[in-house]
Protein backbone atom coordinates (compact mmCIF):
# COMPACT_ATOMS: atom_id res chain seq x y z
CA MET A 1 0.00 0.00 0.00
CA LYS A 2 1.37 3.40 -1.01
CA THR A 3 1.54 6.14 1.54
CA TRP A 4 0.56 9.70 0.76
CA ILE A 5 4.28 10.61 0.60
CA ASP A 6 4.84 7.97 -2.10
CA ARG A 7 1.92 9.38 -4.07
CA ILE A 8 3.26 12.93 -3.80
CA ASN A 9 6.71 11.75 -4.92
CA ALA A 10 5.12 10.01 -7.91
CA ILE A 11 3.26 13.19 -8.84
CA LEU A 12 6.44 15.26 -8.50
CA ALA A 13 8.34 12.78 -10.66
CA GLY A 14 5.65 13.16 -13.33
CA LEU A 15 5.88 16.93 -13.14
CA LYS A 16 9.63 16.79 -13.68
CA ARG A 17 9.07 14.87 -16.92
CA VAL A 18 6.60 17.28 -18.47
CA ILE A 19 7.19 21.01 -18.66
CA LYS A 20 4.81 23.24 -20.57
CA THR A 21 6.12 26.12 -22.62
CA CYS A 22 4.21 28.84 -24.40
CA PHE A 23 4.59 26.94 -27.73
CA GLY A 24 3.52 23.50 -26.52
CA CYS A 25 5.14 20.80 -24.44
CA TYR A 26 8.55 19.30 -24.30
CA TYR A 27 9.59 16.29 -22.33
CA LEU A 28 12.68 15.83 -20.20
CA LYS A 29 14.06 12.33 -20.48
CA GLY A 30 16.69 11.35 -17.97
CA ILE A 31 17.16 14.77 -16.37
CA LYS A 32 19.20 14.28 -13.23
CA GLU A 33 20.09 16.74 -10.52
CA VAL A 34 23.53 17.62 -11.88
CA GLU A 35 24.68 19.68 -8.95
CA LEU A 36 22.40 20.39 -6.05
CA LEU A 37 22.18 24.06 -5.22
CA GLY A 38 22.46 24.96 -1.57
CA GLU A 39 19.92 27.20 0.08
CA ASP A 40 22.09 30.29 -0.47
CA ASP A 41 23.44 29.30 -3.91
CA MET A 42 22.03 30.94 -6.99
CA GLY A 43 21.30 28.97 -10.10
CA LEU A 44 21.62 30.30 -13.62
CA ASN A 45 18.77 30.15 -16.13
CA TYR A 46 19.58 30.02 -19.85
CA ARG A 47 17.41 30.19 -22.96
CA VAL A 48 18.55 28.26 -26.03
CA TYR A 49 17.59 29.74 -29.41
CA LEU A 50 17.13 26.91 -31.89
CA PRO A 51 18.38 27.04 -35.50
CA GLU A 52 15.92 27.41 -38.36
CA LEU A 53 14.29 24.22 -39.63
CA GLY A 54 16.14 22.59 -42.51
CA ASP A 55 13.02 21.02 -44.09
CA VAL A 56 9.30 21.73 -44.08
CA ASP A 57 8.29 18.20 -42.99
CA VAL A 58 10.10 18.37 -39.61
CA VAL A 59 7.62 17.60 -36.81
CA SER A 60 9.84 17.46 -33.72
CA ARG A 61 13.31 18.18 -32.45
CA GLU A 62 15.62 16.71 -29.85
CA ILE A 63 18.19 18.72 -27.94
CA SER A 64 21.11 16.88 -26.40
CA LEU A 65 21.96 18.61 -23.12
CA ASP A 66 25.28 17.52 -21.62
CA VAL A 67 26.02 19.11 -18.24
CA ASP A 68 29.42 18.06 -16.86
CA GLY A 69 29.05 14.64 -18.51
CA GLU A 70 25.40 14.03 -17.53
CA VAL A 71 23.49 13.75 -20.83
CA SER A 72 19.76 14.40 -21.12
CA ILE A 73 17.50 14.67 -24.16
CA LEU A 74 14.94 17.48 -24.41
CA ARG A 75 12.15 16.83 -26.92
CA VAL A 76 10.49 19.92 -28.39
CA SER A 77 7.99 20.75 -31.08
CA ALA A 78 9.24 21.80 -34.51
CA THR A 79 7.47 25.15 -33.99
CA ASP A 80 9.52 25.99 -30.88
CA LYS A 81 12.01 28.77 -31.57
CA SER A 82 13.63 28.63 -28.12
CA VAL A 83 13.81 26.42 -25.03
CA ASP A 84 14.55 27.39 -21.43
CA LEU A 85 17.08 25.03 -19.86
CA PRO A 86 16.70 23.67 -16.33
CA THR A 87 18.43 25.82 -13.71
CA LEU A 88 22.19 25.20 -13.81
CA ALA A 89 24.88 25.71 -11.18
CA GLU A 90 27.67 28.18 -11.83
CA GLY A 91 30.93 26.76 -13.18
CA VAL A 92 29.60 23.71 -15.04
CA VAL A 93 30.43 22.82 -18.65
CA VAL A 94 27.41 22.60 -20.97
CA SER A 95 27.28 21.08 -24.47
CA LEU A 96 24.23 21.35 -26.72
CA ALA A 97 23.30 19.77 -30.07
CA VAL A 98 20.02 19.54 -32.00
CA ARG A 99 18.55 16.99 -34.40
CA ASP A 100 15.25 16.92 -36.29
CA THR A 101 12.64 14.22 -36.92
CA ASP A 102 10.36 14.44 -39.96
CA ASP A 103 6.76 13.24 -40.41
CA ALA A 104 7.98 9.86 -41.79
CA GLY A 105 10.05 9.22 -38.63
CA ASN A 106 13.44 9.89 -40.26
CA VAL A 107 16.00 11.41 -37.90
CA SER A 108 18.73 13.83 -38.96
CA ASP A 109 22.33 13.85 -37.81
CA TRP A 110 23.19 15.97 -34.76
CA SER A 111 24.05 19.60 -35.38
CA GLU A 112 27.44 21.00 -34.48
CA VAL A 113 27.97 20.94 -30.72
CA TYR A 114 27.75 24.28 -28.91
CA ASN A 115 29.84 24.37 -25.69
CA PHE A 116 29.92 26.94 -22.89
CA HIS A 117 30.79 27.34 -19.20
CA THR A 118 28.06 28.68 -16.95
CA ARG A 119 29.11 32.00 -15.43
CA ASP A 120 27.20 34.68 -13.61
CA THR A 121 27.74 37.72 -15.83
CA ILE A 122 24.65 39.66 -14.74
CA ARG A 123 25.55 42.64 -12.57
CA PRO A 124 23.47 43.35 -9.46
CA SER A 125 20.48 45.64 -9.69
CA ARG A 126 21.04 49.32 -9.11
CA PRO A 127 20.39 50.21 -5.47
CA GLY A 128 17.36 52.34 -4.67
CA VAL A 129 17.37 55.96 -3.52
CA VAL A 130 19.23 56.75 -0.30
CA LYS A 131 16.95 58.27 2.34
CA VAL A 132 17.81 60.43 5.35
CA GLU A 133 15.65 61.03 8.41
CA LEU A 134 16.22 63.71 11.05
CA LEU A 135 16.06 61.95 14.41
CA ALA A 136 16.39 64.81 16.91
CA GLU A 137 17.67 68.32 17.66
CA VAL A 138 20.29 68.60 20.40
CA SER A 139 21.60 71.69 22.20
CA ASP A 140 25.21 70.48 22.35
CA PRO A 141 26.18 69.21 18.91
CA VAL A 142 29.03 66.75 18.67
CA PRO A 143 32.04 68.47 17.08
CA PRO A 144 33.38 66.87 13.94
CA ALA A 145 36.31 64.53 14.35
CA PRO A 146 39.68 66.35 14.04
CA GLU A 147 41.68 65.86 10.90
CA PRO A 148 44.46 63.33 11.43
CA GLU A 149 47.92 64.87 11.49
CA PRO A 150 50.18 63.95 8.62
CA PRO A 151 52.90 61.48 9.53
CA ALA A 152 56.21 62.98 10.65
CA PRO A 153 58.91 62.88 7.98
CA GLU A 154 61.56 60.27 8.49
CA PRO A 155 64.92 61.74 9.60
CA GLU A 156 67.69 61.84 7.03
CA PRO A 157 70.66 59.60 7.87
CA VAL A 158 73.59 61.61 9.26
CA VAL A 159 76.74 61.32 7.15
CA ASP A 160 80.09 62.48 8.58
CA PRO A 161 81.29 65.14 6.13
CA SER A 162 85.00 64.85 7.15
CA PRO A 163 87.08 62.79 4.73
CA VAL A 164 88.87 59.79 6.10
CA GLU A 165 92.59 59.88 5.55
CA PRO A 166 94.15 56.62 4.49
CA GLU A 167 96.62 55.13 6.90
CA PRO A 168 100.21 55.15 5.68
CA ASP A 169 101.62 51.94 4.34
CA PRO A 170 104.32 50.53 6.70
CA GLU A 171 106.72 50.01 3.76
CA ASP A 172 106.63 53.69 2.95
CA LEU A 173 107.87 54.61 6.40
């Protein structure tokens, strides 16, 4: 007998396999958690723009998604122009290739492989406006901190200006 937790896990597993996009559905086959993100880690979301169709009778496409050696196949409709990838961790190596299937079931060769490293290149949002609030009026204002004094110059080394006379050689005496 399945418990309610087993049923929820089965439903979640089904949801992982089917993701709806605005152009239809695509299926994730064999997607594995490549690198678990910690609670404070940020994942990176990428959109893949697919190449134009080579033939008019193409009915579906497959995208090979290789993330640090873990290969998954994304199946998409021939009408899809782009696909959003699952959230990826920073610093992983990603390889992508596409192939088409026509209405007779014929499958093309894989496209050239596109490789990239995931990197966070999005700068932070601009901070909002700084605000100031007057908290109180006081009768004895705190004077501003005095300017620090410049450091004292280092003393010059003293050199004896008198020339040193060489000692006479004992043979010359």
